[in-house]
Amino acid sequence: ELQFALSDSPKHLPFQPEIVSVTTYSDDHYQPQYFVAQSIDDMKSKLRTFAKQLTRDFNLAYDSYTESILVLNNSDSIGLLSRSIQRQLESLTDTLTFMVNNNKK
């Protein structure tokens, strides 16, 4: 499919998440159009802007210890995130203290 995607056969449209998100496609043949971003940074920026405009009754957070996504939709999940952040800050503080003490020697 890469050769087809890079050819002149399909349409190459600017990457616009609000359009991409509602565009239907079939996964059993080549696509008639592809959405092209100028760069990875451009794509990430546009996706972040798009995501901020979505309305939802929850938020998400990444938990690096469990490598999972937390759904923040009640006081229990917010408490879990708070404790995770507290552990990270304690680890950072311990590391900085260690570095300062070792640099004094």
N, C-alpha and C. Protein backbone atom coordinates (compact mmCIF):
# COMPACT_ATOMS: atom_id res chain seq x y z
N GLU A 1 0.83 -1.19 0.00
CA GLU A 1 0.00 0.00 0.00
C GLU A 1 0.87 1.26 0.00
N LEU A 2 2.08 1.16 0.52
CA LEU A 2 2.95 2.34 0.56
C LEU A 2 3.22 2.89 -0.84
N GLN A 3 3.50 2.00 -1.80
CA GLN A 3 3.74 2.46 -3.17
C GLN A 3 2.51 3.18 -3.72
N PHE A 4 1.35 2.63 -3.47
CA PHE A 4 0.12 3.26 -3.94
C PHE A 4 -0.08 4.61 -3.25
N ALA A 5 0.12 4.65 -1.95
CA ALA A 5 -0.09 5.88 -1.19
C ALA A 5 0.82 7.00 -1.66
N LEU A 6 2.03 6.64 -2.08
CA LEU A 6 3.00 7.65 -2.52
C LEU A 6 2.86 7.99 -4.00
N SER A 7 2.00 7.29 -4.70
CA SER A 7 1.82 7.55 -6.13
C SER A 7 0.84 8.72 -6.34
N ASP A 8 0.57 9.03 -7.60
CA ASP A 8 -0.37 10.09 -7.94
C ASP A 8 -1.82 9.59 -8.00
N SER A 9 -2.03 8.29 -7.76
CA SER A 9 -3.38 7.72 -7.86
C SER A 9 -4.36 8.25 -6.81
N PRO A 10 -4.00 8.20 -5.52
CA PRO A 10 -4.96 8.70 -4.53
C PRO A 10 -4.84 10.21 -4.37
N LYS A 11 -5.86 10.79 -3.75
CA LYS A 11 -5.79 12.21 -3.38
C LYS A 11 -4.90 12.32 -2.14
N HIS A 12 -4.13 13.40 -2.08
CA HIS A 12 -3.32 13.70 -0.90
C HIS A 12 -3.85 15.01 -0.33
N LEU A 13 -4.53 14.91 0.81
CA LEU A 13 -5.17 16.06 1.42
C LEU A 13 -4.41 16.49 2.67
N PRO A 14 -4.51 17.76 3.02
CA PRO A 14 -3.85 18.21 4.26
C PRO A 14 -4.44 17.50 5.48
N PHE A 15 -3.59 17.18 6.42
CA PHE A 15 -4.03 16.52 7.65
C PHE A 15 -4.82 17.50 8.50
N GLN A 16 -6.11 17.20 8.67
CA GLN A 16 -7.01 18.00 9.49
C GLN A 16 -7.82 17.02 10.34
N PRO A 17 -7.48 16.90 11.63
CA PRO A 17 -8.13 15.90 12.47
C PRO A 17 -9.65 15.96 12.47
N GLU A 18 -10.23 17.16 12.37
CA GLU A 18 -11.69 17.26 12.39
C GLU A 18 -12.32 16.63 11.15
N ILE A 19 -11.57 16.54 10.08
CA ILE A 19 -12.05 15.87 8.86
C ILE A 19 -11.70 14.39 8.90
N VAL A 20 -10.47 14.09 9.30
CA VAL A 20 -10.00 12.70 9.37
C VAL A 20 -10.90 11.89 10.31
N SER A 21 -11.31 12.48 11.42
CA SER A 21 -12.07 11.75 12.43
C SER A 21 -13.46 11.32 11.96
N VAL A 22 -13.98 11.93 10.93
CA VAL A 22 -15.32 11.57 10.44
C VAL A 22 -15.29 10.95 9.04
N THR A 23 -14.08 10.74 8.52
CA THR A 23 -13.94 10.15 7.19
C THR A 23 -14.03 8.63 7.28
N THR A 24 -14.94 8.05 6.51
CA THR A 24 -15.06 6.59 6.50
C THR A 24 -14.02 5.99 5.55
N TYR A 25 -13.68 4.75 5.81
CA TYR A 25 -12.73 4.05 4.94
C TYR A 25 -12.97 2.56 5.06
N SER A 26 -12.48 1.85 4.08
CA SER A 26 -12.56 0.40 4.08
C SER A 26 -11.15 -0.15 4.21
N ASP A 27 -10.97 -1.16 5.02
CA ASP A 27 -9.62 -1.70 5.21
C ASP A 27 -9.33 -2.91 4.32
N ASP A 28 -10.19 -3.17 3.33
CA ASP A 28 -9.94 -4.32 2.46
C ASP A 28 -9.43 -3.92 1.07
N HIS A 29 -9.17 -2.63 0.85
CA HIS A 29 -8.52 -2.20 -0.39
C HIS A 29 -7.84 -0.85 -0.16
N TYR A 30 -7.08 -0.42 -1.15
CA TYR A 30 -6.35 0.83 -1.01
C TYR A 30 -7.31 2.00 -0.82
N GLN A 31 -6.84 3.00 -0.10
CA GLN A 31 -7.67 4.15 0.21
C GLN A 31 -7.68 5.14 -0.97
N PRO A 32 -8.81 5.78 -1.23
CA PRO A 32 -8.88 6.75 -2.32
C PRO A 32 -8.21 8.08 -1.96
N GLN A 33 -8.00 8.30 -0.66
CA GLN A 33 -7.36 9.55 -0.23
C GLN A 33 -6.55 9.32 1.03
N TYR A 34 -5.50 10.10 1.18
CA TYR A 34 -4.64 10.03 2.36
C TYR A 34 -4.48 11.44 2.90
N PHE A 35 -4.42 11.53 4.21
CA PHE A 35 -4.24 12.81 4.86
C PHE A 35 -2.77 12.96 5.24
N VAL A 36 -2.16 14.03 4.79
CA VAL A 36 -0.72 14.20 4.91
C VAL A 36 -0.39 15.37 5.84
N ALA A 37 0.41 15.10 6.85
CA ALA A 37 0.90 16.14 7.75
C ALA A 37 2.24 16.65 7.25
N GLN A 38 2.55 17.88 7.58
CA GLN A 38 3.83 18.47 7.16
C GLN A 38 5.00 17.84 7.91
N SER A 39 4.74 17.41 9.14
CA SER A 39 5.77 16.79 9.97
C SER A 39 5.09 16.08 11.13
N ILE A 40 5.84 15.31 11.86
CA ILE A 40 5.31 14.66 13.06
C ILE A 40 4.89 15.72 14.07
N ASP A 41 5.71 16.75 14.24
CA ASP A 41 5.36 17.82 15.18
C ASP A 41 4.08 18.53 14.78
N ASP A 42 3.92 18.76 13.48
CA ASP A 42 2.69 19.39 12.97
C ASP A 42 1.48 18.51 13.28
N MET A 43 1.61 17.22 13.06
CA MET A 43 0.53 16.29 13.33
C MET A 43 0.19 16.26 14.82
N LYS A 44 1.20 16.19 15.68
CA LYS A 44 0.96 16.15 17.12
C LYS A 44 0.28 17.44 17.59
N SER A 45 0.72 18.56 17.08
CA SER A 45 0.13 19.84 17.46
C SER A 45 -1.34 19.90 17.06
N LYS A 46 -1.64 19.49 15.84
CA LYS A 46 -3.03 19.51 15.37
C LYS A 46 -3.90 18.52 16.16
N LEU A 47 -3.36 17.37 16.49
CA LEU A 47 -4.12 16.39 17.28
C LEU A 47 -4.40 16.90 18.69
N ARG A 48 -3.40 17.54 19.30
CA ARG A 48 -3.60 18.09 20.65
C ARG A 48 -4.67 19.17 20.64
N THR A 49 -4.61 20.06 19.65
CA THR A 49 -5.61 21.12 19.53
C THR A 49 -6.99 20.52 19.33
N PHE A 50 -7.09 19.52 18.47
CA PHE A 50 -8.36 18.86 18.22
C PHE A 50 -8.89 18.19 19.49
N ALA A 51 -8.02 17.48 20.20
CA ALA A 51 -8.43 16.75 21.41
C ALA A 51 -8.94 17.70 22.49
N LYS A 52 -8.35 18.89 22.59
CA LYS A 52 -8.79 19.86 23.60
C LYS A 52 -10.19 20.37 23.32
N GLN A 53 -10.62 20.30 22.08
CA GLN A 53 -11.95 20.77 21.72
C GLN A 53 -13.05 19.73 21.93
N LEU A 54 -12.65 18.49 22.17
CA LEU A 54 -13.64 17.43 22.40
C LEU A 54 -14.28 17.61 23.76
N THR A 55 -15.56 17.44 23.82
CA THR A 55 -16.25 17.52 25.12
C THR A 55 -16.46 16.11 25.65
N ARG A 56 -16.13 15.95 26.92
CA ARG A 56 -16.30 14.65 27.57
C ARG A 56 -16.41 14.89 29.07
N ASP A 57 -16.97 13.95 29.77
CA ASP A 57 -17.17 14.11 31.21
C ASP A 57 -16.09 13.40 32.03
N PHE A 58 -14.92 13.27 31.45
CA PHE A 58 -13.79 12.66 32.14
C PHE A 58 -12.50 13.20 31.54
N ASN A 59 -11.40 12.89 32.19
CA ASN A 59 -10.09 13.23 31.66
C ASN A 59 -9.23 11.98 31.76
N LEU A 60 -8.08 12.00 31.14
CA LEU A 60 -7.18 10.85 31.13
C LEU A 60 -5.80 11.25 31.64
N ALA A 61 -5.12 10.31 32.25
CA ALA A 61 -3.75 10.53 32.70
C ALA A 61 -2.98 9.23 32.52
N TYR A 62 -1.70 9.35 32.18
CA TYR A 62 -0.84 8.18 32.00
C TYR A 62 -0.15 7.86 33.31
N ASP A 63 -0.22 6.62 33.75
CA ASP A 63 0.47 6.15 34.94
C ASP A 63 1.72 5.40 34.50
N SER A 64 2.88 6.03 34.68
CA SER A 64 4.12 5.43 34.20
C SER A 64 4.52 4.19 34.99
N TYR A 65 4.07 4.05 36.23
CA TYR A 65 4.41 2.87 37.02
C TYR A 65 3.70 1.63 36.50
N THR A 66 2.44 1.77 36.16
CA THR A 66 1.68 0.62 35.67
C THR A 66 1.61 0.60 34.14
N GLU A 67 2.15 1.65 33.51
CA GLU A 67 2.11 1.80 32.06
C GLU A 67 0.68 1.65 31.54
N SER A 68 -0.22 2.36 32.20
CA SER A 68 -1.63 2.30 31.82
C SER A 68 -2.23 3.70 31.83
N ILE A 69 -3.41 3.79 31.28
CA ILE A 69 -4.14 5.05 31.23
C ILE A 69 -5.18 5.06 32.35
N LEU A 70 -5.18 6.13 33.14
CA LEU A 70 -6.18 6.29 34.18
C LEU A 70 -7.33 7.13 33.63
N VAL A 71 -8.54 6.66 33.85
CA VAL A 71 -9.72 7.43 33.50
C VAL A 71 -10.10 8.23 34.74
N LEU A 72 -10.02 9.54 34.64
CA LEU A 72 -10.29 10.42 35.78
C LEU A 72 -11.74 10.89 35.72
N ASN A 73 -12.60 10.13 36.38
CA ASN A 73 -14.02 10.47 36.32
C ASN A 73 -14.71 10.40 37.68
N ASN A 74 -13.91 10.21 38.76
CA ASN A 74 -14.49 10.21 40.11
C ASN A 74 -13.38 10.49 41.12
N SER A 75 -13.76 10.65 42.38
CA SER A 75 -12.77 11.02 43.40
C SER A 75 -11.74 9.92 43.63
N ASP A 76 -12.13 8.66 43.47
CA ASP A 76 -11.16 7.56 43.65
C ASP A 76 -10.06 7.62 42.61
N SER A 77 -10.42 7.84 41.35
CA SER A 77 -9.41 7.88 40.29
C SER A 77 -8.52 9.12 40.42
N ILE A 78 -9.10 10.23 40.87
CA ILE A 78 -8.30 11.44 41.08
C ILE A 78 -7.34 11.24 42.25
N GLY A 79 -7.81 10.55 43.29
CA GLY A 79 -6.93 10.23 44.42
C GLY A 79 -5.78 9.34 44.00
N LEU A 80 -6.06 8.37 43.13
CA LEU A 80 -5.01 7.49 42.62
C LEU A 80 -3.96 8.28 41.86
N LEU A 81 -4.40 9.21 41.03
CA LEU A 81 -3.46 10.06 40.29
C LEU A 81 -2.66 10.92 41.26
N SER A 82 -3.32 11.48 42.26
CA SER A 82 -2.64 12.32 43.24
C SER A 82 -1.54 11.55 43.96
N ARG A 83 -1.83 10.33 44.36
CA ARG A 83 -0.82 9.50 45.03
C ARG A 83 0.32 9.15 44.10
N SER A 84 0.02 8.92 42.84
CA SER A 84 1.07 8.62 41.85
C SER A 84 2.00 9.82 41.67
N ILE A 85 1.41 11.00 41.58
CA ILE A 85 2.22 12.22 41.44
C ILE A 85 3.06 12.44 42.69
N GLN A 86 2.48 12.17 43.86
CA GLN A 86 3.22 12.32 45.12
C GLN A 86 4.43 11.38 45.14
N ARG A 87 4.26 10.13 44.71
CA ARG A 87 5.39 9.18 44.65
C ARG A 87 6.48 9.68 43.70
N GLN A 88 6.06 10.23 42.58
CA GLN A 88 7.03 10.74 41.61
C GLN A 88 7.80 11.93 42.18
N LEU A 89 7.09 12.82 42.87
CA LEU A 89 7.76 13.98 43.48
C LEU A 89 8.72 13.54 44.58
N GLU A 90 8.34 12.54 45.36
CA GLU A 90 9.24 12.02 46.39
C GLU A 90 10.49 11.43 45.76
N SER A 91 10.32 10.70 44.67
CA SER A 91 11.47 10.12 43.97
C SER A 91 12.38 11.21 43.41
N LEU A 92 11.77 12.24 42.84
CA LEU A 92 12.54 13.36 42.30
C LEU A 92 13.30 14.08 43.42
N THR A 93 12.62 14.32 44.53
CA THR A 93 13.26 14.98 45.67
C THR A 93 14.43 14.16 46.20
N ASP A 94 14.24 12.86 46.35
CA ASP A 94 15.31 11.98 46.82
C ASP A 94 16.50 12.02 45.87
N THR A 95 16.23 12.00 44.59
CA THR A 95 17.30 12.02 43.59
C THR A 95 18.06 13.34 43.63
N LEU A 96 17.34 14.45 43.72
CA LEU A 96 17.99 15.75 43.78
C LEU A 96 18.83 15.90 45.05
N THR A 97 18.30 15.41 46.17
CA THR A 97 19.04 15.45 47.43
C THR A 97 20.32 14.64 47.32
N PHE A 98 20.22 13.46 46.75
CA PHE A 98 21.39 12.61 46.54
C PHE A 98 22.43 13.32 45.67
N MET A 99 21.97 13.94 44.59
CA MET A 99 22.90 14.63 43.69
C MET A 99 23.58 15.81 44.38
N VAL A 100 22.84 16.57 45.14
CA VAL A 100 23.41 17.72 45.85
C VAL A 100 24.43 17.25 46.89
N ASN A 101 24.10 16.22 47.65
CA ASN A 101 25.01 15.71 48.67
C ASN A 101 26.27 15.13 48.07
N ASN A 102 26.20 14.49 46.95
CA ASN A 102 27.37 13.90 46.31
C ASN A 102 28.23 14.92 45.60
N ASN A 103 27.64 16.03 45.18
CA ASN A 103 28.42 17.08 44.52
C ASN A 103 29.22 17.91 45.53
N LYS A 104 28.83 17.87 46.82
CA LYS A 104 29.53 18.63 47.84
C LYS A 104 30.85 17.96 48.22
N LYS A 105 31.00 16.70 47.95
CA LYS A 105 32.21 15.95 48.35
C LYS A 105 33.36 16.22 47.44
